[in-house]
Amino acid sequence: MQSEILYDEIFDAQEHFRLILDSMARPGKINVIPNLNIQPAEGINKASALIGFSLLNTDASFCAIGELSYTIEAFIALHTAAKIEMLQKADFVFVKGSQSSDFIADLKTGTLPYPEDSATIVLDVLNISADETADSLQLNLKGPGIKTVETVYVTGLNHAILDAVKEQNFEFPLGIDLILTDKENNMICIPRSNDFTYELAENINQPNYN
């Protein structure tokens, strides 16, 4: 039986929405989604589930891909009333950072008259930190909301996803927005308006996700 979710659709959703807006306005800034006593579906970070609760409603569509996608979709649909949609039409896509990058090419990137009609990816990673950690990927962000360069370290992220997103974002304002969460409820955003580079950790065997 599905346990009751104690989530205030006004107070909690607004608090989380403000944090997401702040992260979008200040790419690379690490915000922490306040911890709530909920048990998300297996296979999704709690912060990603809470982001879904905040952003999704009957007017939004979403899908999950990868292992346990059906369980994740059922959980999010139950608690948001959002529509489960095929990948090519989904407004939000929930996926693990270790996923192959093949799905990126199928996401909608908007049109010139309606660039906002595009997908946002919510990526589950293992760790997001301002300091370098073992096996981390160094992300260097530039652009709106950043004075010079914002650097953040991420583990559990297939760098091929970044390559594919960067290719899709080449013709701004068309493109895809990214929201990353980790196991500790940390969150960063990388909107399509911002450029980024990355550096693989030296002397570490990076996993091949492709």
Protein backbone atom coordinates (compact mmCIF):
# COMPACT_ATOMS: atom_id res chain seq x y z
CA MET A 1 0.00 0.00 0.00
CA GLN A 2 1.24 3.50 -0.89
CA SER A 3 2.07 5.44 2.27
CA GLU A 4 0.63 8.90 2.77
CA ILE A 5 2.83 11.76 1.62
CA LEU A 6 2.94 14.70 4.04
CA TYR A 7 3.54 17.49 1.53
CA ASP A 8 1.95 20.93 1.81
CA GLU A 9 0.99 21.88 -1.73
CA ILE A 10 1.16 25.57 -0.82
CA PHE A 11 3.89 26.07 1.78
CA ASP A 12 6.29 23.29 0.75
CA ALA A 13 5.77 23.73 -2.97
CA GLN A 14 6.37 27.48 -2.81
CA GLU A 15 9.52 27.06 -0.72
CA HIS A 16 10.94 24.51 -3.15
CA PHE A 17 9.89 26.56 -6.17
CA ARG A 18 11.75 29.61 -4.84
CA LEU A 19 14.89 27.49 -4.39
CA ILE A 20 14.61 26.19 -7.95
CA LEU A 21 14.22 29.74 -9.28
CA ASP A 22 17.27 30.83 -7.29
CA SER A 23 19.28 27.93 -8.68
CA MET A 24 18.18 28.76 -12.23
CA ALA A 25 19.08 32.44 -11.74
CA ARG A 26 22.46 31.52 -10.23
CA PRO A 27 23.66 28.47 -12.18
CA GLY A 28 26.06 26.26 -10.27
CA LYS A 29 24.97 27.56 -6.87
CA ILE A 30 24.30 24.63 -4.56
CA ASN A 31 20.95 24.89 -2.82
CA VAL A 32 19.57 22.30 -0.43
CA ILE A 33 15.99 21.11 -0.76
CA PRO A 34 14.59 21.01 2.80
CA ASN A 35 14.23 17.45 3.97
CA LEU A 36 10.69 16.20 4.43
CA ASN A 37 9.57 12.97 6.01
CA ILE A 38 8.55 11.25 2.79
CA GLN A 39 9.55 7.93 1.27
CA PRO A 40 10.02 8.40 -2.49
CA ALA A 41 9.66 5.59 -4.97
CA GLU A 42 12.65 3.31 -5.32
CA GLY A 43 15.08 4.59 -7.92
CA ILE A 44 14.69 8.36 -7.50
CA ASN A 45 16.43 10.85 -5.21
CA LYS A 46 14.16 12.38 -2.61
CA ALA A 47 15.11 15.88 -3.83
CA SER A 48 14.11 14.96 -7.39
CA ALA A 49 10.76 13.70 -6.16
CA LEU A 50 10.20 16.94 -4.23
CA ILE A 51 11.13 18.97 -7.30
CA GLY A 52 8.51 16.99 -9.18
CA PHE A 53 5.95 17.77 -6.48
CA SER A 54 6.77 21.47 -6.80
CA LEU A 55 6.83 21.81 -10.60
CA LEU A 56 4.32 19.28 -11.87
CA ASN A 57 0.57 19.62 -12.02
CA THR A 58 -2.30 18.72 -14.34
CA ASP A 59 -0.94 21.10 -17.00
CA ALA A 60 2.52 19.48 -17.13
CA SER A 61 3.70 16.21 -18.61
CA PHE A 62 6.63 14.01 -17.64
CA CYS A 63 8.29 10.66 -18.05
CA ALA A 64 10.99 8.63 -16.36
CA ILE A 65 13.50 6.51 -18.21
CA GLY A 66 15.84 3.74 -17.19
CA GLU A 67 15.55 1.16 -14.47
CA LEU A 68 12.41 1.36 -12.29
CA SER A 69 10.91 4.00 -14.61
CA TYR A 70 7.41 2.54 -14.28
CA THR A 71 7.54 2.72 -10.47
CA ILE A 72 8.82 6.30 -10.55
CA GLU A 73 6.17 7.40 -13.05
CA ALA A 74 3.37 5.85 -11.02
CA PHE A 75 4.63 7.53 -7.84
CA ILE A 76 4.95 11.01 -9.39
CA ALA A 77 1.63 10.78 -11.25
CA LEU A 78 -0.17 9.74 -8.07
CA HIS A 79 1.07 12.73 -6.09
CA THR A 80 1.00 15.46 -8.75
CA ALA A 81 -1.79 14.46 -11.17
CA ALA A 82 0.64 15.27 -14.00
CA LYS A 83 0.30 13.37 -17.27
CA ILE A 84 2.74 10.60 -18.11
CA GLU A 85 3.87 11.27 -21.67
CA MET A 86 6.18 9.69 -24.21
CA LEU A 87 9.77 10.91 -24.13
CA GLN A 88 9.47 13.04 -27.26
CA LYS A 89 6.60 15.08 -25.78
CA ALA A 90 7.45 15.23 -22.07
CA ASP A 91 7.96 18.58 -20.32
CA PHE A 92 10.07 16.97 -17.58
CA VAL A 93 12.26 13.88 -17.78
CA PHE A 94 13.47 12.09 -14.64
CA VAL A 95 16.62 10.04 -15.14
CA LYS A 96 19.75 8.87 -13.38
CA GLY A 97 22.99 10.67 -14.16
CA SER A 98 24.57 7.33 -15.06
CA GLN A 99 22.11 6.83 -17.93
CA SER A 100 23.37 6.56 -21.51
CA SER A 101 23.05 9.86 -23.38
CA ASP A 102 21.03 8.37 -26.26
CA PHE A 103 17.72 9.77 -24.97
CA ILE A 104 18.82 13.41 -25.28
CA ALA A 105 18.32 13.53 -29.06
CA ASP A 106 14.62 12.68 -28.64
CA LEU A 107 13.79 15.50 -26.21
CA LYS A 108 11.89 18.54 -27.34
CA THR A 109 13.96 21.74 -27.51
CA GLY A 110 11.21 24.25 -28.26
CA THR A 111 10.61 26.30 -31.37
CA LEU A 112 11.62 29.86 -32.20
CA PRO A 113 8.06 31.16 -31.62
CA TYR A 114 7.77 29.07 -28.43
CA PRO A 115 11.25 28.31 -27.03
CA GLU A 116 9.69 27.56 -23.63
CA ASP A 117 8.03 24.47 -25.12
CA SER A 118 11.08 22.39 -24.29
CA ALA A 119 12.16 19.69 -21.88
CA THR A 120 13.75 19.98 -18.47
CA ILE A 121 15.86 17.04 -17.31
CA VAL A 122 15.92 16.19 -13.61
CA LEU A 123 19.12 14.20 -13.12
CA ASP A 124 19.84 12.00 -10.10
CA VAL A 125 23.55 11.99 -9.27
CA LEU A 126 25.45 10.67 -6.27
CA ASN A 127 27.08 13.83 -4.94
CA ILE A 128 27.23 17.57 -5.63
CA SER A 129 29.94 19.53 -3.86
CA ALA A 130 31.82 22.83 -3.95
CA ASP A 131 34.98 20.83 -3.26
CA GLU A 132 36.61 18.14 -5.34
CA THR A 133 35.74 14.62 -4.27
CA ALA A 134 36.86 11.18 -5.37
CA ASP A 135 35.67 10.29 -8.87
CA SER A 136 34.16 13.75 -9.32
CA LEU A 137 33.54 15.59 -12.54
CA GLN A 138 34.55 19.26 -12.41
CA LEU A 139 31.90 21.48 -14.00
CA ASN A 140 32.83 25.04 -14.98
CA LEU A 141 29.85 27.26 -15.75
CA LYS A 142 29.74 30.66 -17.45
CA GLY A 143 27.02 33.02 -18.57
CA PRO A 144 24.01 34.85 -17.11
CA GLY A 145 23.92 34.87 -13.31
CA ILE A 146 27.65 34.16 -12.99
CA LYS A 147 30.29 36.89 -12.56
CA THR A 148 33.22 34.93 -13.98
CA VAL A 149 33.19 31.15 -13.60
CA GLU A 150 31.23 28.96 -11.20
CA THR A 151 32.84 25.60 -10.43
CA VAL A 152 31.07 22.63 -8.91
CA TYR A 153 32.04 18.97 -8.55
CA VAL A 154 29.64 16.15 -9.37
CA THR A 155 29.92 12.38 -8.99
CA GLY A 156 27.69 9.85 -10.66
CA LEU A 157 27.20 11.85 -13.86
CA ASN A 158 27.86 10.46 -17.32
CA HIS A 159 29.76 13.26 -19.08
CA ALA A 160 28.26 12.12 -22.41
CA ILE A 161 24.93 13.57 -21.19
CA LEU A 162 26.62 16.96 -20.87
CA ASP A 163 28.04 16.66 -24.38
CA ALA A 164 24.63 15.81 -25.81
CA VAL A 165 22.87 18.63 -23.95
CA LYS A 166 25.49 21.13 -25.07
CA GLU A 167 24.89 20.08 -28.66
CA GLN A 168 21.13 20.53 -28.27
CA ASN A 169 21.63 23.97 -26.68
CA PHE A 170 23.77 25.29 -29.52
CA GLU A 171 20.91 27.28 -31.08
CA PHE A 172 19.80 29.30 -28.04
CA PRO A 173 17.02 30.10 -27.07
CA LEU A 174 16.21 26.55 -28.15
CA GLY A 175 17.54 23.86 -25.87
CA ILE A 176 17.20 21.84 -22.69
CA ASP A 177 17.46 22.88 -19.04
CA LEU A 178 19.12 20.69 -16.41
CA ILE A 179 18.36 20.20 -12.72
CA LEU A 180 20.77 17.96 -10.80
CA THR A 181 20.08 16.50 -7.35
CA ASP A 182 22.11 14.22 -5.10
CA LYS A 183 21.53 11.84 -2.20
CA GLU A 184 21.89 14.66 0.36
CA ASN A 185 19.14 16.83 -1.19
CA ASN A 186 21.66 19.18 -2.83
CA MET A 187 20.57 20.76 -6.09
CA ILE A 188 22.12 22.78 -8.91
CA CYS A 189 20.60 24.05 -12.14
CA ILE A 190 22.17 24.54 -15.56
CA PRO A 191 19.77 26.52 -17.76
CA ARG A 192 20.20 26.45 -21.53
CA SER A 193 21.39 30.08 -21.46
CA ASN A 194 24.65 29.10 -19.76
CA ASP A 195 27.75 27.60 -21.29
CA PHE A 196 29.79 24.99 -19.47
CA THR A 197 32.89 22.89 -19.75
CA TYR A 198 33.95 19.92 -17.68
CA GLU A 199 37.12 18.16 -16.66
CA LEU A 200 37.40 14.49 -15.84
CA ALA A 201 39.21 13.56 -12.66
CA GLU A 202 42.83 12.67 -13.33
CA ASN A 203 44.20 9.16 -12.78
CA ILE A 204 40.73 7.73 -12.22
CA ASN A 205 39.10 5.15 -14.44
CA GLN A 206 35.87 6.81 -15.52
CA PRO A 207 32.96 4.42 -16.08
CA ASN A 208 31.79 3.91 -19.65
CA TYR A 209 28.06 4.63 -19.70
CA ASN A 210 27.60 4.49 -23.47
